Amino acid sequence: MTTGVLIVDDDELIRVGLRAIIDAQPDLRVLAEAADGAEVPPLVARHRPDVVLMDVRMPGIDGIQATRHLLATSADPPRVLVVTTFANDEYVYEALRAGASGFLLKRARPAEVVEAVRVVAAGESLLFPAAIRQLVGAYGRAGGDRLAAARLTEREAEVLRLIATGRSNPEIAAHLVVGLETVKTHVGNVLAKLGVRDRTQAVIAAYESGFVVPTG
């Protein structure tokens, strides 16, 4: 099964480089490219990519606005992986809060680019949990009683804490000594109760509510 990718970056050299890296993999394929966030909705509708590699800083419609609009208007939106020059960037955090599933540095090695696309497409583990923790520590805001309102069970709360550490579903299953399908059910319940699309937004909600403390 091939994962389709849309590349969005105003720098042509970056687009060319990412395309070369992705198209070299038998399970990944670049479906289209865009130079501005305004081009994203029609290209997503036409090509139905699984993952959008989105530059976070672009003239015109930037990655934050494009991500927010895409997730609000698409019935079945793709995963968004924002691309950035700097890891500790408030733009990146705002893109994650807007619904992006993870971020990738422009200086990342080819193997890291490929792995990031695969991880985000699968949606079964958190990409760069330590970096997300640092972003929350720098730019996070108080989230009120969002976790209290979600009324998670004790087991669901435990699963959320494990997700925040970066554990994948199989690793959570091994830690809790339960079946993989049981873990998937718990993760699905956590996302539904928090009203979020994926693990990244669930973890941000956990940090901003004080349920998990972004230390270390």
N, C-alpha and C. Protein backbone atom coordinates (compact mmCIF):
# COMPACT_ATOMS: atom_id res chain seq x y z
N MET A 1 0.84 -1.19 0.00
CA MET A 1 0.00 0.00 0.00
C MET A 1 0.88 1.25 0.00
N THR A 2 0.61 2.16 -0.93
CA THR A 2 1.43 3.36 -1.08
C THR A 2 0.82 4.54 -0.33
N THR A 3 1.68 5.28 0.38
CA THR A 3 1.26 6.50 1.06
C THR A 3 1.47 7.68 0.14
N GLY A 4 0.39 8.41 -0.17
CA GLY A 4 0.48 9.57 -1.04
C GLY A 4 0.82 10.83 -0.26
N VAL A 5 1.69 11.66 -0.81
CA VAL A 5 2.19 12.85 -0.12
C VAL A 5 2.01 14.10 -0.99
N LEU A 6 1.57 15.18 -0.37
CA LEU A 6 1.52 16.51 -0.98
C LEU A 6 2.59 17.36 -0.31
N ILE A 7 3.47 17.99 -1.10
CA ILE A 7 4.53 18.84 -0.57
C ILE A 7 4.13 20.30 -0.75
N VAL A 8 4.16 21.08 0.34
CA VAL A 8 3.79 22.50 0.29
C VAL A 8 4.93 23.32 0.87
N ASP A 9 5.66 24.04 0.03
CA ASP A 9 6.78 24.87 0.48
C ASP A 9 7.05 25.92 -0.58
N ASP A 10 7.29 27.17 -0.16
CA ASP A 10 7.54 28.23 -1.13
C ASP A 10 8.95 28.16 -1.72
N ASP A 11 9.82 27.33 -1.14
CA ASP A 11 11.19 27.17 -1.63
C ASP A 11 11.25 25.97 -2.58
N GLU A 12 11.52 26.24 -3.85
CA GLU A 12 11.54 25.16 -4.84
C GLU A 12 12.61 24.12 -4.55
N LEU A 13 13.75 24.55 -4.03
CA LEU A 13 14.82 23.62 -3.72
C LEU A 13 14.40 22.63 -2.63
N ILE A 14 13.66 23.12 -1.65
CA ILE A 14 13.16 22.25 -0.60
C ILE A 14 12.18 21.23 -1.19
N ARG A 15 11.28 21.70 -2.05
CA ARG A 15 10.31 20.79 -2.68
C ARG A 15 11.00 19.71 -3.49
N VAL A 16 11.99 20.12 -4.28
CA VAL A 16 12.72 19.16 -5.11
C VAL A 16 13.43 18.12 -4.24
N GLY A 17 14.06 18.60 -3.16
CA GLY A 17 14.77 17.68 -2.27
C GLY A 17 13.85 16.70 -1.60
N LEU A 18 12.71 17.18 -1.08
CA LEU A 18 11.75 16.30 -0.42
C LEU A 18 11.17 15.30 -1.40
N ARG A 19 10.87 15.75 -2.62
CA ARG A 19 10.33 14.83 -3.62
C ARG A 19 11.31 13.70 -3.92
N ALA A 20 12.58 14.05 -4.07
CA ALA A 20 13.59 13.03 -4.37
C ALA A 20 13.68 11.99 -3.25
N ILE A 21 13.64 12.47 -2.01
CA ILE A 21 13.73 11.56 -0.86
C ILE A 21 12.51 10.65 -0.79
N ILE A 22 11.33 11.22 -0.96
CA ILE A 22 10.09 10.45 -0.81
C ILE A 22 9.88 9.49 -1.96
N ASP A 23 10.11 9.96 -3.18
CA ASP A 23 9.87 9.11 -4.35
C ASP A 23 10.88 7.97 -4.47
N ALA A 24 11.96 8.04 -3.70
CA ALA A 24 12.94 6.95 -3.70
C ALA A 24 12.47 5.73 -2.91
N GLN A 25 11.37 5.90 -2.16
CA GLN A 25 10.84 4.81 -1.33
C GLN A 25 9.71 4.08 -2.05
N PRO A 26 9.71 2.76 -2.00
CA PRO A 26 8.68 2.00 -2.73
C PRO A 26 7.27 2.17 -2.17
N ASP A 27 7.16 2.57 -0.88
CA ASP A 27 5.84 2.69 -0.26
C ASP A 27 5.35 4.13 -0.15
N LEU A 28 6.13 5.09 -0.69
CA LEU A 28 5.75 6.51 -0.62
C LEU A 28 5.75 7.10 -2.02
N ARG A 29 4.85 8.07 -2.25
CA ARG A 29 4.79 8.70 -3.57
C ARG A 29 4.30 10.13 -3.45
N VAL A 30 5.02 11.06 -4.06
CA VAL A 30 4.58 12.46 -4.09
C VAL A 30 3.51 12.60 -5.17
N LEU A 31 2.35 13.09 -4.77
CA LEU A 31 1.23 13.23 -5.70
C LEU A 31 1.19 14.61 -6.34
N ALA A 32 1.65 15.63 -5.62
CA ALA A 32 1.60 17.00 -6.13
C ALA A 32 2.45 17.89 -5.25
N GLU A 33 2.72 19.11 -5.75
CA GLU A 33 3.46 20.13 -5.01
C GLU A 33 2.69 21.44 -5.03
N ALA A 34 2.94 22.29 -4.03
CA ALA A 34 2.36 23.62 -3.97
C ALA A 34 3.37 24.57 -3.36
N ALA A 35 3.28 25.84 -3.74
CA ALA A 35 4.20 26.86 -3.23
C ALA A 35 3.55 27.78 -2.22
N ASP A 36 2.25 27.60 -1.96
CA ASP A 36 1.52 28.48 -1.06
C ASP A 36 0.37 27.72 -0.43
N GLY A 37 0.04 28.09 0.81
CA GLY A 37 -1.04 27.41 1.51
C GLY A 37 -2.38 27.52 0.82
N ALA A 38 -2.58 28.57 0.02
CA ALA A 38 -3.85 28.76 -0.67
C ALA A 38 -4.11 27.65 -1.69
N GLU A 39 -3.05 27.00 -2.16
CA GLU A 39 -3.19 25.93 -3.15
C GLU A 39 -3.58 24.60 -2.53
N VAL A 40 -3.52 24.50 -1.21
CA VAL A 40 -3.70 23.20 -0.56
C VAL A 40 -5.11 22.61 -0.72
N PRO A 41 -6.19 23.34 -0.42
CA PRO A 41 -7.52 22.72 -0.49
C PRO A 41 -7.84 22.07 -1.83
N PRO A 42 -7.65 22.77 -2.98
CA PRO A 42 -7.98 22.11 -4.25
C PRO A 42 -7.08 20.92 -4.57
N LEU A 43 -5.81 20.99 -4.18
CA LEU A 43 -4.91 19.88 -4.44
C LEU A 43 -5.26 18.67 -3.59
N VAL A 44 -5.66 18.91 -2.34
CA VAL A 44 -6.09 17.81 -1.47
C VAL A 44 -7.35 17.17 -2.03
N ALA A 45 -8.30 18.00 -2.47
CA ALA A 45 -9.54 17.47 -3.05
C ALA A 45 -9.28 16.65 -4.30
N ARG A 46 -8.30 17.07 -5.11
CA ARG A 46 -8.03 16.40 -6.37
C ARG A 46 -7.22 15.12 -6.18
N HIS A 47 -6.20 15.17 -5.31
CA HIS A 47 -5.26 14.05 -5.22
C HIS A 47 -5.46 13.14 -4.02
N ARG A 48 -6.20 13.58 -3.01
CA ARG A 48 -6.47 12.79 -1.80
C ARG A 48 -5.19 12.21 -1.17
N PRO A 49 -4.22 13.06 -0.82
CA PRO A 49 -2.99 12.57 -0.19
C PRO A 49 -3.27 12.04 1.21
N ASP A 50 -2.39 11.16 1.67
CA ASP A 50 -2.48 10.66 3.05
C ASP A 50 -1.77 11.61 4.01
N VAL A 51 -0.71 12.26 3.53
CA VAL A 51 0.10 13.16 4.35
C VAL A 51 0.41 14.43 3.56
N VAL A 52 0.31 15.58 4.23
CA VAL A 52 0.74 16.84 3.64
C VAL A 52 1.98 17.31 4.38
N LEU A 53 3.09 17.48 3.64
CA LEU A 53 4.29 18.08 4.21
C LEU A 53 4.17 19.58 4.01
N MET A 54 3.94 20.31 5.09
CA MET A 54 3.55 21.72 5.02
C MET A 54 4.60 22.64 5.66
N ASP A 55 5.19 23.51 4.85
CA ASP A 55 6.09 24.53 5.39
C ASP A 55 5.31 25.41 6.36
N VAL A 56 5.85 25.64 7.55
CA VAL A 56 5.10 26.39 8.55
C VAL A 56 5.12 27.90 8.27
N ARG A 57 6.19 28.38 7.63
CA ARG A 57 6.31 29.82 7.34
C ARG A 57 6.34 30.04 5.84
N MET A 58 5.26 30.60 5.30
CA MET A 58 5.17 30.90 3.87
C MET A 58 4.51 32.26 3.69
N PRO A 59 4.87 32.99 2.63
CA PRO A 59 4.15 34.23 2.34
C PRO A 59 2.72 33.90 1.93
N GLY A 60 1.83 34.82 2.12
CA GLY A 60 0.42 34.55 1.80
C GLY A 60 -0.20 33.71 2.90
N ILE A 61 -0.71 32.56 2.55
CA ILE A 61 -1.33 31.65 3.53
C ILE A 61 -0.24 30.76 4.11
N ASP A 62 0.07 30.93 5.41
CA ASP A 62 1.14 30.13 6.01
C ASP A 62 0.64 28.76 6.44
N GLY A 63 1.56 27.96 6.99
CA GLY A 63 1.23 26.59 7.34
C GLY A 63 0.18 26.47 8.43
N ILE A 64 0.15 27.44 9.36
CA ILE A 64 -0.84 27.40 10.43
C ILE A 64 -2.24 27.61 9.87
N GLN A 65 -2.39 28.67 9.08
CA GLN A 65 -3.70 28.97 8.49
C GLN A 65 -4.16 27.84 7.57
N ALA A 66 -3.23 27.33 6.76
CA ALA A 66 -3.58 26.28 5.82
C ALA A 66 -4.01 25.01 6.54
N THR A 67 -3.31 24.67 7.61
CA THR A 67 -3.66 23.48 8.39
C THR A 67 -5.03 23.63 9.03
N ARG A 68 -5.26 24.77 9.65
CA ARG A 68 -6.54 25.02 10.31
C ARG A 68 -7.70 24.96 9.31
N HIS A 69 -7.52 25.59 8.15
CA HIS A 69 -8.57 25.60 7.13
C HIS A 69 -8.82 24.20 6.58
N LEU A 70 -7.74 23.47 6.33
CA LEU A 70 -7.86 22.13 5.76
C LEU A 70 -8.64 21.20 6.68
N LEU A 71 -8.30 21.23 7.97
CA LEU A 71 -8.96 20.32 8.91
C LEU A 71 -10.40 20.73 9.19
N ALA A 72 -10.69 22.02 9.02
CA ALA A 72 -12.05 22.49 9.28
C ALA A 72 -12.99 22.25 8.11
N THR A 73 -12.44 22.14 6.90
CA THR A 73 -13.30 22.09 5.71
C THR A 73 -13.30 20.74 5.00
N SER A 74 -12.35 19.88 5.30
CA SER A 74 -12.28 18.58 4.63
C SER A 74 -12.99 17.52 5.45
N ALA A 75 -13.82 16.72 4.80
CA ALA A 75 -14.55 15.66 5.50
C ALA A 75 -13.61 14.57 6.00
N ASP A 76 -12.57 14.29 5.25
CA ASP A 76 -11.60 13.26 5.63
C ASP A 76 -10.20 13.80 5.35
N PRO A 77 -9.73 14.74 6.18
CA PRO A 77 -8.47 15.43 5.89
C PRO A 77 -7.26 14.52 6.05
N PRO A 78 -6.20 14.80 5.30
CA PRO A 78 -4.96 14.05 5.46
C PRO A 78 -4.24 14.45 6.73
N ARG A 79 -3.25 13.69 7.13
CA ARG A 79 -2.38 14.09 8.23
C ARG A 79 -1.48 15.22 7.75
N VAL A 80 -1.20 16.16 8.63
CA VAL A 80 -0.32 17.27 8.28
C VAL A 80 0.97 17.17 9.08
N LEU A 81 2.09 17.20 8.36
CA LEU A 81 3.41 17.18 8.97
C LEU A 81 4.08 18.50 8.62
N VAL A 82 4.20 19.40 9.60
CA VAL A 82 4.76 20.72 9.30
C VAL A 82 6.28 20.65 9.21
N VAL A 83 6.82 21.43 8.29
CA VAL A 83 8.26 21.46 8.04
C VAL A 83 8.79 22.81 8.49
N THR A 84 9.87 22.80 9.25
CA THR A 84 10.35 24.04 9.86
C THR A 84 11.88 24.10 9.87
N THR A 85 12.40 25.31 9.93
CA THR A 85 13.85 25.50 10.04
C THR A 85 14.31 25.32 11.48
N PHE A 86 13.47 25.77 12.43
CA PHE A 86 13.84 25.73 13.85
C PHE A 86 12.85 24.88 14.63
N ALA A 87 13.37 24.00 15.51
CA ALA A 87 12.50 23.12 16.29
C ALA A 87 11.74 23.91 17.35
N ASN A 88 12.43 24.81 18.04
CA ASN A 88 11.80 25.57 19.13
C ASN A 88 11.19 26.85 18.56
N ASP A 89 10.08 26.68 17.86
CA ASP A 89 9.47 27.76 17.10
C ASP A 89 7.99 27.85 17.48
N GLU A 90 7.55 29.03 17.90
CA GLU A 90 6.15 29.19 18.29
C GLU A 90 5.21 28.89 17.13
N TYR A 91 5.65 29.15 15.90
CA TYR A 91 4.83 28.82 14.73
C TYR A 91 4.54 27.32 14.69
N VAL A 92 5.56 26.52 15.02
CA VAL A 92 5.38 25.07 15.01
C VAL A 92 4.34 24.67 16.05
N TYR A 93 4.44 25.25 17.24
CA TYR A 93 3.49 24.90 18.29
C TYR A 93 2.06 25.28 17.90
N GLU A 94 1.91 26.44 17.28
CA GLU A 94 0.59 26.88 16.85
C GLU A 94 0.05 25.96 15.75
N ALA A 95 0.93 25.47 14.89
CA ALA A 95 0.49 24.53 13.85
C ALA A 95 0.03 23.22 14.48
N LEU A 96 0.73 22.76 15.51
CA LEU A 96 0.33 21.55 16.21
C LEU A 96 -1.02 21.75 16.90
N ARG A 97 -1.20 22.91 17.51
CA ARG A 97 -2.49 23.21 18.16
C ARG A 97 -3.60 23.31 17.12
N ALA A 98 -3.25 23.74 15.91
CA ALA A 98 -4.24 23.87 14.84
C ALA A 98 -4.65 22.52 14.27
N GLY A 99 -3.86 21.48 14.58
CA GLY A 99 -4.23 20.15 14.13
C GLY A 99 -3.17 19.36 13.40
N ALA A 100 -1.97 19.93 13.23
CA ALA A 100 -0.89 19.17 12.60
C ALA A 100 -0.52 17.98 13.48
N SER A 101 -0.11 16.89 12.83
CA SER A 101 0.19 15.65 13.57
C SER A 101 1.64 15.56 14.02
N GLY A 102 2.49 16.47 13.55
CA GLY A 102 3.89 16.43 13.94
C GLY A 102 4.67 17.46 13.15
N PHE A 103 5.97 17.52 13.39
CA PHE A 103 6.80 18.46 12.64
C PHE A 103 8.13 17.82 12.29
N LEU A 104 8.78 18.41 11.29
CA LEU A 104 10.02 17.87 10.75
C LEU A 104 10.95 19.03 10.45
N LEU A 105 12.22 18.91 10.82
CA LEU A 105 13.20 19.95 10.53
C LEU A 105 13.66 19.86 9.08
N LYS A 106 13.87 21.01 8.46
CA LYS A 106 14.33 21.02 7.07
C LYS A 106 15.71 20.42 6.92
N ARG A 107 16.48 20.41 7.98
CA ARG A 107 17.82 19.82 7.91
C ARG A 107 17.82 18.33 8.25
N ALA A 108 16.65 17.74 8.40
CA ALA A 108 16.56 16.32 8.75
C ALA A 108 17.21 15.45 7.67
N ARG A 109 17.81 14.36 8.10
CA ARG A 109 18.40 13.42 7.16
C ARG A 109 17.30 12.70 6.38
N PRO A 110 17.61 12.21 5.18
CA PRO A 110 16.60 11.51 4.38
C PRO A 110 15.88 10.40 5.13
N ALA A 111 16.61 9.61 5.91
CA ALA A 111 15.97 8.52 6.66
C ALA A 111 14.98 9.06 7.68
N GLU A 112 15.28 10.23 8.27
CA GLU A 112 14.37 10.83 9.24
C GLU A 112 13.11 11.36 8.56
N VAL A 113 13.26 11.91 7.36
CA VAL A 113 12.10 12.39 6.61
C VAL A 113 11.16 11.23 6.31
N VAL A 114 11.72 10.15 5.83
CA VAL A 114 10.93 8.97 5.47
C VAL A 114 10.23 8.40 6.69
N GLU A 115 10.96 8.28 7.80
CA GLU A 115 10.37 7.72 9.02
C GLU A 115 9.25 8.62 9.54
N ALA A 116 9.44 9.94 9.49
CA ALA A 116 8.42 10.87 9.97
C ALA A 116 7.14 10.74 9.16
N VAL A 117 7.26 10.64 7.85
CA VAL A 117 6.07 10.49 7.00
C VAL A 117 5.35 9.19 7.34
N ARG A 118 6.10 8.12 7.51
CA ARG A 118 5.48 6.83 7.83
C ARG A 118 4.81 6.84 9.19
N VAL A 119 5.46 7.44 10.19
CA VAL A 119 4.89 7.49 11.55
C VAL A 119 3.59 8.30 11.55
N VAL A 120 3.61 9.45 10.91
CA VAL A 120 2.42 10.31 10.88
C VAL A 120 1.29 9.63 10.10
N ALA A 121 1.63 8.98 9.00
CA ALA A 121 0.60 8.30 8.21
C ALA A 121 -0.06 7.18 9.00
N ALA A 122 0.75 6.44 9.77
CA ALA A 122 0.21 5.32 10.55
C ALA A 122 -0.62 5.80 11.74
N GLY A 123 -0.18 6.89 12.38
CA GLY A 123 -0.93 7.46 13.49
C GLY A 123 -0.93 6.64 14.75
N GLU A 124 0.02 5.72 14.89
CA GLU A 124 0.01 4.83 16.06
C GLU A 124 1.11 5.14 17.06
N SER A 125 1.85 6.21 16.84
CA SER A 125 2.83 6.65 17.84
C SER A 125 3.04 8.15 17.69
N LEU A 126 3.61 8.77 18.71
CA LEU A 126 3.82 10.21 18.75
C LEU A 126 5.19 10.53 18.17
N LEU A 127 5.23 11.47 17.22
CA LEU A 127 6.49 11.85 16.59
C LEU A 127 7.22 12.86 17.47
N PHE A 128 8.48 12.56 17.81
CA PHE A 128 9.34 13.45 18.60
C PHE A 128 8.68 13.93 19.89
N PRO A 129 8.34 13.02 20.81
CA PRO A 129 7.67 13.41 22.06
C PRO A 129 8.48 14.40 22.90
N ALA A 130 9.80 14.25 22.94
CA ALA A 130 10.62 15.16 23.75
C ALA A 130 10.56 16.58 23.19
N ALA A 131 10.57 16.71 21.86
CA ALA A 131 10.50 18.04 21.24
C ALA A 131 9.14 18.69 21.50
N ILE A 132 8.08 17.90 21.44
CA ILE A 132 6.75 18.44 21.74
C ILE A 132 6.67 18.91 23.19
N ARG A 133 7.29 18.13 24.08
CA ARG A 133 7.32 18.52 25.49
C ARG A 133 8.02 19.86 25.67
N GLN A 134 9.13 20.09 24.96
CA GLN A 134 9.85 21.35 25.05
C GLN A 134 9.03 22.50 24.49
N LEU A 135 8.31 22.26 23.39
CA LEU A 135 7.46 23.30 22.81
C LEU A 135 6.36 23.71 23.78
N VAL A 136 5.76 22.72 24.43
CA VAL A 136 4.71 23.03 25.41
C VAL A 136 5.29 23.85 26.55
N GLY A 137 6.49 23.46 27.01
CA GLY A 137 7.11 24.19 28.10
C GLY A 137 7.38 25.64 27.74
N ALA A 138 7.70 25.88 26.46
CA ALA A 138 8.03 27.24 26.03
C ALA A 138 6.80 28.07 25.66
N TYR A 139 5.81 27.42 25.02
CA TYR A 139 4.70 28.19 24.44
C TYR A 139 3.31 27.75 24.89
N GLY A 140 3.24 26.73 25.73
CA GLY A 140 1.94 26.22 26.14
C GLY A 140 1.15 27.23 26.95
N ARG A 141 -0.15 27.02 26.98
CA ARG A 141 -1.04 27.92 27.73
C ARG A 141 -1.98 27.08 28.58
N ALA A 142 -2.53 27.67 29.61
CA ALA A 142 -3.44 26.95 30.48
C ALA A 142 -4.67 26.52 29.70
N GLY A 143 -5.04 25.24 29.86
CA GLY A 143 -6.16 24.71 29.09
C GLY A 143 -7.41 24.46 29.90
N GLY A 144 -7.48 25.00 31.11
CA GLY A 144 -8.69 24.85 31.91
C GLY A 144 -8.92 23.41 32.34
N ASP A 145 -10.18 23.03 32.42
CA ASP A 145 -10.53 21.70 32.92
C ASP A 145 -10.92 20.75 31.79
N ARG A 146 -10.22 20.88 30.66
CA ARG A 146 -10.56 20.05 29.50
C ARG A 146 -10.49 18.56 29.81
N LEU A 147 -9.47 18.16 30.54
CA LEU A 147 -9.34 16.74 30.89
C LEU A 147 -10.42 16.32 31.85
N ALA A 148 -10.76 17.18 32.82
CA ALA A 148 -11.83 16.85 33.77
C ALA A 148 -13.15 16.68 33.04
N ALA A 149 -13.40 17.55 32.07
CA ALA A 149 -14.65 17.48 31.31
C ALA A 149 -14.72 16.22 30.46
N ALA A 150 -13.56 15.69 30.08
CA ALA A 150 -13.53 14.49 29.24
C ALA A 150 -13.95 13.24 30.00
N ARG A 151 -13.81 13.28 31.33
CA ARG A 151 -14.21 12.15 32.18
C ARG A 151 -13.58 10.83 31.71
N LEU A 152 -12.25 10.84 31.60
CA LEU A 152 -11.53 9.62 31.24
C LEU A 152 -11.60 8.62 32.37
N THR A 153 -11.65 7.34 32.00
CA THR A 153 -11.56 6.29 33.01
C THR A 153 -10.11 6.23 33.51
N GLU A 154 -9.89 5.50 34.59
CA GLU A 154 -8.54 5.38 35.13
C GLU A 154 -7.59 4.76 34.10
N ARG A 155 -8.06 3.74 33.38
CA ARG A 155 -7.22 3.10 32.38
C ARG A 155 -6.96 4.03 31.19
N GLU A 156 -7.96 4.78 30.78
CA GLU A 156 -7.78 5.72 29.67
C GLU A 156 -6.78 6.82 30.05
N ALA A 157 -6.85 7.28 31.30
CA ALA A 157 -5.90 8.28 31.78
C ALA A 157 -4.48 7.72 31.76
N GLU A 158 -4.34 6.46 32.13
CA GLU A 158 -3.03 5.82 32.12
C GLU A 158 -2.50 5.71 30.70
N VAL A 159 -3.37 5.37 29.78
CA VAL A 159 -2.99 5.27 28.37
C VAL A 159 -2.55 6.64 27.84
N LEU A 160 -3.25 7.70 28.22
CA LEU A 160 -2.87 9.04 27.78
C LEU A 160 -1.48 9.41 28.29
N ARG A 161 -1.18 9.08 29.53
CA ARG A 161 0.16 9.37 30.07
C ARG A 161 1.23 8.62 29.27
N LEU A 162 0.93 7.39 28.90
CA LEU A 162 1.89 6.59 28.12
C LEU A 162 2.04 7.14 26.71
N ILE A 163 0.96 7.62 26.12
CA ILE A 163 1.04 8.24 24.80
C ILE A 163 1.97 9.45 24.86
N ALA A 164 1.88 10.23 25.93
CA ALA A 164 2.70 11.43 26.08
C ALA A 164 4.18 11.11 26.16
N THR A 165 4.53 9.91 26.59
CA THR A 165 5.95 9.52 26.65
C THR A 165 6.47 9.09 25.29
N GLY A 166 5.56 8.95 24.31
CA GLY A 166 5.97 8.55 22.97
C GLY A 166 5.80 7.08 22.68
N ARG A 167 5.21 6.33 23.61
CA ARG A 167 5.03 4.90 23.38
C ARG A 167 4.03 4.63 22.26
N SER A 168 4.34 3.65 21.43
CA SER A 168 3.44 3.22 20.38
C SER A 168 2.37 2.30 20.96
N ASN A 169 1.37 1.97 20.16
CA ASN A 169 0.32 1.06 20.64
C ASN A 169 0.88 -0.28 21.10
N PRO A 170 1.78 -0.94 20.32
CA PRO A 170 2.35 -2.20 20.80
C PRO A 170 3.14 -2.04 22.11
N GLU A 171 3.84 -0.91 22.27
CA GLU A 171 4.60 -0.69 23.50
C GLU A 171 3.67 -0.46 24.69
N ILE A 172 2.56 0.23 24.45
CA ILE A 172 1.57 0.42 25.53
C ILE A 172 0.96 -0.92 25.91
N ALA A 173 0.66 -1.74 24.91
CA ALA A 173 0.09 -3.06 25.17
C ALA A 173 1.03 -3.90 26.02
N ALA A 174 2.32 -3.85 25.69
CA ALA A 174 3.30 -4.62 26.46
C ALA A 174 3.43 -4.09 27.88
N HIS A 175 3.41 -2.78 28.04
CA HIS A 175 3.54 -2.16 29.36
C HIS A 175 2.35 -2.51 30.26
N LEU A 176 1.15 -2.49 29.68
CA LEU A 176 -0.06 -2.75 30.47
C LEU A 176 -0.43 -4.23 30.51
N VAL A 177 0.30 -5.02 29.73
CA VAL A 177 0.03 -6.47 29.63
C VAL A 177 -1.44 -6.70 29.20
N VAL A 178 -1.80 -6.06 28.11
CA VAL A 178 -3.12 -6.24 27.51
C VAL A 178 -2.94 -6.42 26.01
N GLY A 179 -4.01 -6.78 25.32
CA GLY A 179 -3.95 -6.99 23.89
C GLY A 179 -3.87 -5.67 23.12
N LEU A 180 -3.33 -5.76 21.90
CA LEU A 180 -3.19 -4.58 21.06
C LEU A 180 -4.54 -3.96 20.72
N GLU A 181 -5.54 -4.78 20.44
CA GLU A 181 -6.85 -4.25 20.11
C GLU A 181 -7.47 -3.51 21.30
N THR A 182 -7.17 -3.98 22.51
CA THR A 182 -7.66 -3.29 23.70
C THR A 182 -7.05 -1.90 23.79
N VAL A 183 -5.75 -1.81 23.50
CA VAL A 183 -5.08 -0.51 23.52
C VAL A 183 -5.68 0.42 22.46
N LYS A 184 -5.90 -0.09 21.27
CA LYS A 184 -6.49 0.72 20.20
C LYS A 184 -7.86 1.26 20.61
N THR A 185 -8.61 0.43 21.32
CA THR A 185 -9.92 0.87 21.80
C THR A 185 -9.77 2.00 22.81
N HIS A 186 -8.83 1.85 23.76
CA HIS A 186 -8.59 2.90 24.75
C HIS A 186 -8.14 4.19 24.09
N VAL A 187 -7.21 4.08 23.14
CA VAL A 187 -6.71 5.28 22.44
C VAL A 187 -7.86 5.97 21.71
N GLY A 188 -8.69 5.18 21.03
CA GLY A 188 -9.84 5.75 20.34
C GLY A 188 -10.79 6.46 21.28
N ASN A 189 -11.00 5.87 22.45
CA ASN A 189 -11.88 6.50 23.45
C ASN A 189 -11.29 7.81 23.96
N VAL A 190 -9.97 7.83 24.19
CA VAL A 190 -9.31 9.05 24.66
C VAL A 190 -9.47 10.17 23.64
N LEU A 191 -9.21 9.87 22.38
CA LEU A 191 -9.33 10.88 21.33
C LEU A 191 -10.76 11.39 21.21
N ALA A 192 -11.71 10.47 21.26
CA ALA A 192 -13.12 10.86 21.13
C ALA A 192 -13.57 11.73 22.29
N LYS A 193 -13.19 11.36 23.51
CA LYS A 193 -13.61 12.12 24.69
C LYS A 193 -12.97 13.51 24.74
N LEU A 194 -11.75 13.61 24.22
CA LEU A 194 -11.07 14.92 24.20
C LEU A 194 -11.49 15.74 22.99
N GLY A 195 -12.15 15.11 22.03
CA GLY A 195 -12.57 15.82 20.83
C GLY A 195 -11.41 16.21 19.94
N VAL A 196 -10.40 15.34 19.87
CA VAL A 196 -9.22 15.62 19.05
C VAL A 196 -9.05 14.53 18.00
N ARG A 197 -8.24 14.85 17.00
CA ARG A 197 -8.11 13.94 15.86
C ARG A 197 -7.03 12.89 16.05
N ASP A 198 -5.94 13.27 16.72
CA ASP A 198 -4.85 12.30 16.85
C ASP A 198 -4.08 12.49 18.16
N ARG A 199 -3.04 11.70 18.31
CA ARG A 199 -2.28 11.64 19.54
C ARG A 199 -1.62 12.98 19.89
N THR A 200 -1.15 13.69 18.88
CA THR A 200 -0.46 14.95 19.14
C THR A 200 -1.37 15.94 19.86
N GLN A 201 -2.60 16.11 19.36
CA GLN A 201 -3.52 17.04 20.00
C GLN A 201 -3.95 16.54 21.39
N ALA A 202 -4.04 15.22 21.56
CA ALA A 202 -4.38 14.68 22.87
C ALA A 202 -3.29 14.99 23.88
N VAL A 203 -2.05 14.86 23.46
CA VAL A 203 -0.92 15.13 24.36
C VAL A 203 -0.83 16.62 24.69
N ILE A 204 -1.05 17.48 23.70
CA ILE A 204 -1.05 18.92 23.97
C ILE A 204 -2.14 19.27 24.98
N ALA A 205 -3.33 18.68 24.81
CA ALA A 205 -4.42 18.92 25.77
C ALA A 205 -4.02 18.45 27.16
N ALA A 206 -3.34 17.31 27.24
CA ALA A 206 -2.91 16.77 28.53
C ALA A 206 -1.90 17.70 29.20
N TYR A 207 -0.97 18.22 28.42
CA TYR A 207 0.02 19.15 28.98
C TYR A 207 -0.61 20.46 29.40
N GLU A 208 -1.44 21.04 28.52
CA GLU A 208 -1.99 22.36 28.80
C GLU A 208 -3.01 22.33 29.95
N SER A 209 -3.59 21.19 30.22
CA SER A 209 -4.53 21.08 31.35
C SER A 209 -3.81 20.81 32.67
N GLY A 210 -2.49 20.50 32.57
CA GLY A 210 -1.75 20.16 33.77
C GLY A 210 -1.83 18.71 34.14
N PHE A 211 -2.51 17.90 33.32
CA PHE A 211 -2.64 16.47 33.58
C PHE A 211 -1.28 15.78 33.47
N VAL A 212 -0.48 16.24 32.51
CA VAL A 212 0.90 15.78 32.36
C VAL A 212 1.77 17.02 32.44
N VAL A 213 2.86 16.97 33.19
CA VAL A 213 3.74 18.13 33.37
C VAL A 213 4.91 18.03 32.41
N PRO A 214 5.11 19.05 31.55
CA PRO A 214 6.20 19.01 30.56
C PRO A 214 7.54 19.31 31.16
N THR A 215 8.10 18.37 31.89
CA THR A 215 9.43 18.53 32.49
C THR A 215 10.44 17.68 31.75
N GLY A 216 11.70 18.01 31.95
CA GLY A 216 12.77 17.22 31.36
C GLY A 216 13.12 17.65 29.96
